[in-house]
Amino acid sequence: MVEFHQIGEDQVGLRTPEKKDEPAILSLLVKAFGQSNEGRLVERLRACGALVLERIATDDDGKLLGHLAFSRVTGTGEGHRLKISCLAPVCVDPASQNKGVGTKLIQEALDDLQGLGEDLVLVLGAPDYYSRFGFDSELAKKVQGPYAGPIFMALPFTQAGREDLPVEVTYATPFREFE
């Protein structure tokens, strides 16, 4: 089901991708990142069953404007019962960037993810951008794993996601080539 949203003067549809969308998603990832690594990551996350949520943004003619994926992160230690996912990758067609497409795609997907009962979401990215969604690098300091620093951020959805920390995490196997 496509949900249309007014972004500026444009109607943007948000939906779960279908199998037929996969080639366009891969092309968009290469176009947005200038390389094929992120496309391979998404393919491998799909293949191993690690995707928790995947969404695309389209214009009113169905042209792909953006894509994002959340995959399962496994926690161990005190917070091992947490449902944790990570947001990666996120992309918007360069011609549609800075128009609100990515912001709407991320916000709606985070709302959907929260509805699935996730406790904590992790992201690597620009703090100025991701903090607008509530991601926090201070909270992420309580999450031990392959990533750290000011671009590593966490967003809690539940009290457990805020309090059942520290936690050590392992990302889905396809991420290992990026560590």
C-alpha atoms as a PDB file:
ATOM      1  CA  MET A   1       0.000   0.000   0.000  1.00  0.00           C
ATOM      2  CA  VAL A   2       1.327   3.423  -0.951  1.00  0.00           C
ATOM      3  CA  GLU A   3       0.835   6.323   1.460  1.00  0.00           C
ATOM      4  CA  PHE A   4       1.152   9.684  -0.288  1.00  0.00           C
ATOM      5  CA  HIS A   5       2.530  12.701   1.550  1.00  0.00           C
ATOM      6  CA  GLN A   6       2.739  16.316   0.452  1.00  0.00           C
ATOM      7  CA  ILE A   7       6.367  17.466   0.517  1.00  0.00           C
ATOM      8  CA  GLY A   8       6.641  21.013  -0.749  1.00  0.00           C
ATOM      9  CA  GLU A   9       4.804  21.054  -4.065  1.00  0.00           C
ATOM     10  CA  ASP A  10       5.278  17.324  -4.647  1.00  0.00           C
ATOM     11  CA  GLN A  11       3.323  14.213  -3.737  1.00  0.00           C
ATOM     12  CA  VAL A  12       5.670  11.514  -2.452  1.00  0.00           C
ATOM     13  CA  GLY A  13       4.550   7.924  -1.977  1.00  0.00           C
ATOM     14  CA  LEU A  14       6.044   5.798   0.791  1.00  0.00           C
ATOM     15  CA  ARG A  15       5.761   2.026   0.718  1.00  0.00           C
ATOM     16  CA  THR A  16       7.430  -1.315   1.253  1.00  0.00           C
ATOM     17  CA  PRO A  17       9.406  -2.303  -1.847  1.00  0.00           C
ATOM     18  CA  GLU A  18       8.412  -5.267  -3.966  1.00  0.00           C
ATOM     19  CA  LYS A  19      10.704  -7.732  -5.721  1.00  0.00           C
ATOM     20  CA  LYS A  20      10.248  -5.796  -8.984  1.00  0.00           C
ATOM     21  CA  ASP A  21      11.707  -2.672  -7.279  1.00  0.00           C
ATOM     22  CA  GLU A  22      15.044  -4.293  -6.423  1.00  0.00           C
ATOM     23  CA  PRO A  23      16.922  -3.374  -9.654  1.00  0.00           C
ATOM     24  CA  ALA A  24      15.836   0.276  -9.341  1.00  0.00           C
ATOM     25  CA  ILE A  25      16.869   0.295  -5.668  1.00  0.00           C
ATOM     26  CA  LEU A  26      20.324  -1.012  -6.558  1.00  0.00           C
ATOM     27  CA  SER A  27      20.673   1.621  -9.291  1.00  0.00           C
ATOM     28  CA  LEU A  28      19.602   4.362  -6.882  1.00  0.00           C
ATOM     29  CA  LEU A  29      22.102   3.204  -4.243  1.00  0.00           C
ATOM     30  CA  VAL A  30      24.949   3.330  -6.782  1.00  0.00           C
ATOM     31  CA  LYS A  31      23.797   6.738  -8.021  1.00  0.00           C
ATOM     32  CA  ALA A  32      23.518   8.172  -4.501  1.00  0.00           C
ATOM     33  CA  PHE A  33      26.729   6.687  -3.075  1.00  0.00           C
ATOM     34  CA  GLY A  34      28.857   6.574  -6.239  1.00  0.00           C
ATOM     35  CA  GLN A  35      29.769   2.925  -5.615  1.00  0.00           C
ATOM     36  CA  SER A  36      28.162  -0.510  -5.352  1.00  0.00           C
ATOM     37  CA  ASN A  37      28.995  -1.374  -1.705  1.00  0.00           C
ATOM     38  CA  GLU A  38      25.661  -0.239  -0.276  1.00  0.00           C
ATOM     39  CA  GLY A  39      23.744  -2.115  -2.969  1.00  0.00           C
ATOM     40  CA  ARG A  40      25.643  -5.297  -2.144  1.00  0.00           C
ATOM     41  CA  LEU A  41      24.924  -4.707   1.540  1.00  0.00           C
ATOM     42  CA  VAL A  42      21.161  -4.475   0.936  1.00  0.00           C
ATOM     43  CA  GLU A  43      21.187  -7.575  -1.287  1.00  0.00           C
ATOM     44  CA  ARG A  44      23.055  -9.555   1.377  1.00  0.00           C
ATOM     45  CA  LEU A  45      20.835  -8.302   4.200  1.00  0.00           C
ATOM     46  CA  ARG A  46      17.788  -9.453   2.230  1.00  0.00           C
ATOM     47  CA  ALA A  47      19.389 -12.816   1.439  1.00  0.00           C
ATOM     48  CA  CYS A  48      20.280 -13.607   5.056  1.00  0.00           C
ATOM     49  CA  GLY A  49      16.895 -12.495   6.404  1.00  0.00           C
ATOM     50  CA  ALA A  50      18.340  -9.699   8.549  1.00  0.00           C
ATOM     51  CA  LEU A  51      16.070  -6.905   7.278  1.00  0.00           C
ATOM     52  CA  VAL A  52      13.553  -5.739   9.850  1.00  0.00           C
ATOM     53  CA  LEU A  53      12.011  -2.990   7.707  1.00  0.00           C
ATOM     54  CA  GLU A  54      12.640  -1.609   4.234  1.00  0.00           C
ATOM     55  CA  ARG A  55      10.899   1.406   2.672  1.00  0.00           C
ATOM     56  CA  ILE A  56      11.040   3.375  -0.556  1.00  0.00           C
ATOM     57  CA  ALA A  57       9.860   6.823  -1.591  1.00  0.00           C
ATOM     58  CA  THR A  58       8.439   7.399  -5.070  1.00  0.00           C
ATOM     59  CA  ASP A  59       7.034  10.353  -6.958  1.00  0.00           C
ATOM     60  CA  ASP A  60       3.410  10.314  -8.109  1.00  0.00           C
ATOM     61  CA  ASP A  61       4.506   8.618 -11.352  1.00  0.00           C
ATOM     62  CA  GLY A  62       6.173   5.792  -9.419  1.00  0.00           C
ATOM     63  CA  LYS A  63       9.775   6.921 -10.014  1.00  0.00           C
ATOM     64  CA  LEU A  64      12.065   5.870  -7.165  1.00  0.00           C
ATOM     65  CA  LEU A  65      13.263   8.848  -5.099  1.00  0.00           C
ATOM     66  CA  GLY A  66      14.631   7.252  -1.936  1.00  0.00           C
ATOM     67  CA  HIS A  67      15.299   4.038  -0.040  1.00  0.00           C
ATOM     68  CA  LEU A  68      16.175   2.952   3.475  1.00  0.00           C
ATOM     69  CA  ALA A  69      16.673  -0.296   5.344  1.00  0.00           C
ATOM     70  CA  PHE A  70      16.703  -1.349   8.992  1.00  0.00           C
ATOM     71  CA  SER A  71      18.408  -4.608   9.912  1.00  0.00           C
ATOM     72  CA  ARG A  72      18.602  -6.686  13.065  1.00  0.00           C
ATOM     73  CA  VAL A  73      21.389  -6.045  15.558  1.00  0.00           C
ATOM     74  CA  THR A  74      21.990  -8.702  18.210  1.00  0.00           C
ATOM     75  CA  GLY A  75      22.654  -7.604  21.766  1.00  0.00           C
ATOM     76  CA  THR A  76      24.515  -9.479  24.486  1.00  0.00           C
ATOM     77  CA  GLY A  77      25.153  -8.673  28.113  1.00  0.00           C
ATOM     78  CA  GLU A  78      22.791  -6.778  30.424  1.00  0.00           C
ATOM     79  CA  GLY A  79      20.647  -5.432  27.580  1.00  0.00           C
ATOM     80  CA  HIS A  80      20.576  -8.685  25.651  1.00  0.00           C
ATOM     81  CA  ARG A  81      16.770  -8.845  25.608  1.00  0.00           C
ATOM     82  CA  LEU A  82      16.455  -5.594  23.698  1.00  0.00           C
ATOM     83  CA  LYS A  83      15.056  -5.563  20.182  1.00  0.00           C
ATOM     84  CA  ILE A  84      17.741  -3.536  18.404  1.00  0.00           C
ATOM     85  CA  SER A  85      18.006  -2.539  14.761  1.00  0.00           C
ATOM     86  CA  CYS A  86      20.219  -0.262  12.724  1.00  0.00           C
ATOM     87  CA  LEU A  87      19.338   2.207  10.010  1.00  0.00           C
ATOM     88  CA  ALA A  88      21.622   1.621   7.030  1.00  0.00           C
ATOM     89  CA  PRO A  89      21.759   2.465   4.274  1.00  0.00           C
ATOM     90  CA  VAL A  90      19.638   5.528   3.580  1.00  0.00           C
ATOM     91  CA  CYS A  91      19.701   7.260   0.215  1.00  0.00           C
ATOM     92  CA  VAL A  92      17.812   9.825  -1.824  1.00  0.00           C
ATOM     93  CA  ASP A  93      18.237  10.443  -5.533  1.00  0.00           C
ATOM     94  CA  PRO A  94      20.689  13.362  -5.842  1.00  0.00           C
ATOM     95  CA  ALA A  95      18.106  15.322  -7.873  1.00  0.00           C
ATOM     96  CA  SER A  96      15.626  15.017  -4.979  1.00  0.00           C
ATOM     97  CA  GLN A  97      17.978  15.763  -2.083  1.00  0.00           C
ATOM     98  CA  ASN A  98      17.387  18.714   0.250  1.00  0.00           C
ATOM     99  CA  LYS A  99      13.666  18.700  -0.531  1.00  0.00           C
ATOM    100  CA  GLY A 100      12.409  16.784   2.515  1.00  0.00           C
ATOM    101  CA  VAL A 101      12.150  13.347   0.901  1.00  0.00           C
ATOM    102  CA  GLY A 102      14.765  11.735   3.155  1.00  0.00           C
ATOM    103  CA  THR A 103      13.378  13.372   6.270  1.00  0.00           C
ATOM    104  CA  LYS A 104       9.842  12.150   5.547  1.00  0.00           C
ATOM    105  CA  LEU A 105      11.063   8.674   4.588  1.00  0.00           C
ATOM    106  CA  ILE A 106      13.080   8.322   7.796  1.00  0.00           C
ATOM    107  CA  GLN A 107      10.385   9.730  10.102  1.00  0.00           C
ATOM    108  CA  GLU A 108       7.609   7.551   8.710  1.00  0.00           C
ATOM    109  CA  ALA A 109       9.852   4.469   8.782  1.00  0.00           C
ATOM    110  CA  LEU A 110      10.880   5.173  12.386  1.00  0.00           C
ATOM    111  CA  ASP A 111       7.190   5.398  13.313  1.00  0.00           C
ATOM    112  CA  ASP A 112       6.587   2.044  11.598  1.00  0.00           C
ATOM    113  CA  LEU A 113       9.607   0.514  13.325  1.00  0.00           C
ATOM    114  CA  GLN A 114       8.428   1.700  16.722  1.00  0.00           C
ATOM    115  CA  GLY A 115       5.086   0.053  15.981  1.00  0.00           C
ATOM    116  CA  LEU A 116       6.924  -3.235  15.456  1.00  0.00           C
ATOM    117  CA  GLY A 117       8.110  -3.127  19.066  1.00  0.00           C
ATOM    118  CA  GLU A 118      11.763  -2.198  18.610  1.00  0.00           C
ATOM    119  CA  ASP A 119      13.504  -0.923  21.743  1.00  0.00           C
ATOM    120  CA  LEU A 120      16.558   0.785  20.260  1.00  0.00           C
ATOM    121  CA  VAL A 121      17.738   1.945  16.825  1.00  0.00           C
ATOM    122  CA  LEU A 122      21.361   2.654  15.907  1.00  0.00           C
ATOM    123  CA  VAL A 123      22.745   4.772  13.075  1.00  0.00           C
ATOM    124  CA  LEU A 124      26.083   6.021  11.751  1.00  0.00           C
ATOM    125  CA  GLY A 125      25.697   9.443  10.220  1.00  0.00           C
ATOM    126  CA  ALA A 126      25.801  13.210  10.454  1.00  0.00           C
ATOM    127  CA  PRO A 127      24.854  14.239  14.017  1.00  0.00           C
ATOM    128  CA  ASP A 128      23.257  17.500  12.855  1.00  0.00           C
ATOM    129  CA  TYR A 129      20.923  15.553  10.571  1.00  0.00           C
ATOM    130  CA  TYR A 130      20.045  12.502  12.668  1.00  0.00           C
ATOM    131  CA  SER A 131      19.623  14.381  15.953  1.00  0.00           C
ATOM    132  CA  ARG A 132      16.434  15.931  14.522  1.00  0.00           C
ATOM    133  CA  PHE A 133      14.868  12.453  14.763  1.00  0.00           C
ATOM    134  CA  GLY A 134      16.044  11.999  18.363  1.00  0.00           C
ATOM    135  CA  PHE A 135      19.263  10.051  17.735  1.00  0.00           C
ATOM    136  CA  ASP A 136      21.814  10.699  20.479  1.00  0.00           C
ATOM    137  CA  SER A 137      25.572  10.062  20.466  1.00  0.00           C
ATOM    138  CA  GLU A 138      25.740  10.176  24.296  1.00  0.00           C
ATOM    139  CA  LEU A 139      23.314   7.267  24.616  1.00  0.00           C
ATOM    140  CA  ALA A 140      25.264   5.367  21.954  1.00  0.00           C
ATOM    141  CA  LYS A 141      28.333   5.432  24.211  1.00  0.00           C
ATOM    142  CA  LYS A 142      26.542   2.725  26.219  1.00  0.00           C
ATOM    143  CA  VAL A 143      26.428   0.487  23.131  1.00  0.00           C
ATOM    144  CA  GLN A 144      29.649  -1.431  22.536  1.00  0.00           C
ATOM    145  CA  GLY A 145      30.329  -2.809  19.088  1.00  0.00           C
ATOM    146  CA  PRO A 146      32.318  -2.175  15.937  1.00  0.00           C
ATOM    147  CA  TYR A 147      31.383   1.513  15.701  1.00  0.00           C
ATOM    148  CA  ALA A 148      31.966   4.474  18.025  1.00  0.00           C
ATOM    149  CA  GLY A 149      32.471   8.219  18.020  1.00  0.00           C
ATOM    150  CA  PRO A 150      30.202  11.213  17.476  1.00  0.00           C
ATOM    151  CA  ILE A 151      28.673   9.816  14.274  1.00  0.00           C
ATOM    152  CA  PHE A 152      27.475   6.679  16.114  1.00  0.00           C
ATOM    153  CA  MET A 153      24.049   7.437  17.593  1.00  0.00           C
ATOM    154  CA  ALA A 154      21.163   5.650  19.270  1.00  0.00           C
ATOM    155  CA  LEU A 155      17.433   6.324  19.442  1.00  0.00           C
ATOM    156  CA  PRO A 156      15.440   4.621  22.214  1.00  0.00           C
ATOM    157  CA  PHE A 157      11.783   3.796  21.613  1.00  0.00           C
ATOM    158  CA  THR A 158      11.112   2.230  25.007  1.00  0.00           C
ATOM    159  CA  GLN A 159      12.119   2.630  28.625  1.00  0.00           C
ATOM    160  CA  ALA A 160      14.156  -0.568  28.248  1.00  0.00           C
ATOM    161  CA  GLY A 161      15.937   0.993  25.273  1.00  0.00           C
ATOM    162  CA  ARG A 162      16.996   3.864  27.536  1.00  0.00           C
ATOM    163  CA  GLU A 163      17.740   1.939  30.705  1.00  0.00           C
ATOM    164  CA  ASP A 164      18.788  -1.659  29.920  1.00  0.00           C
ATOM    165  CA  LEU A 165      22.257  -0.532  28.957  1.00  0.00           C
ATOM    166  CA  PRO A 166      25.163  -1.017  28.523  1.00  0.00           C
ATOM    167  CA  VAL A 167      24.803  -3.587  25.795  1.00  0.00           C
ATOM    168  CA  GLU A 168      27.314  -5.174  23.461  1.00  0.00           C
ATOM    169  CA  VAL A 169      26.052  -5.552  19.905  1.00  0.00           C
ATOM    170  CA  THR A 170      26.813  -7.583  16.828  1.00  0.00           C
ATOM    171  CA  TYR A 171      25.593  -6.384  13.454  1.00  0.00           C
ATOM    172  CA  ALA A 172      24.237  -8.735  10.792  1.00  0.00           C
ATOM    173  CA  THR A 173      26.980 -10.657   8.979  1.00  0.00           C
ATOM    174  CA  PRO A 174      26.888  -8.535   5.772  1.00  0.00           C
ATOM    175  CA  PHE A 175      28.151  -5.518   7.751  1.00  0.00           C
ATOM    176  CA  ARG A 176      31.452  -7.240   8.519  1.00  0.00           C
ATOM    177  CA  GLU A 177      32.976  -6.145   5.227  1.00  0.00           C
ATOM    178  CA  PHE A 178      32.439  -2.515   6.331  1.00  0.00           C
ATOM    179  CA  GLU A 179      33.992  -2.824   9.811  1.00  0.00           C
END
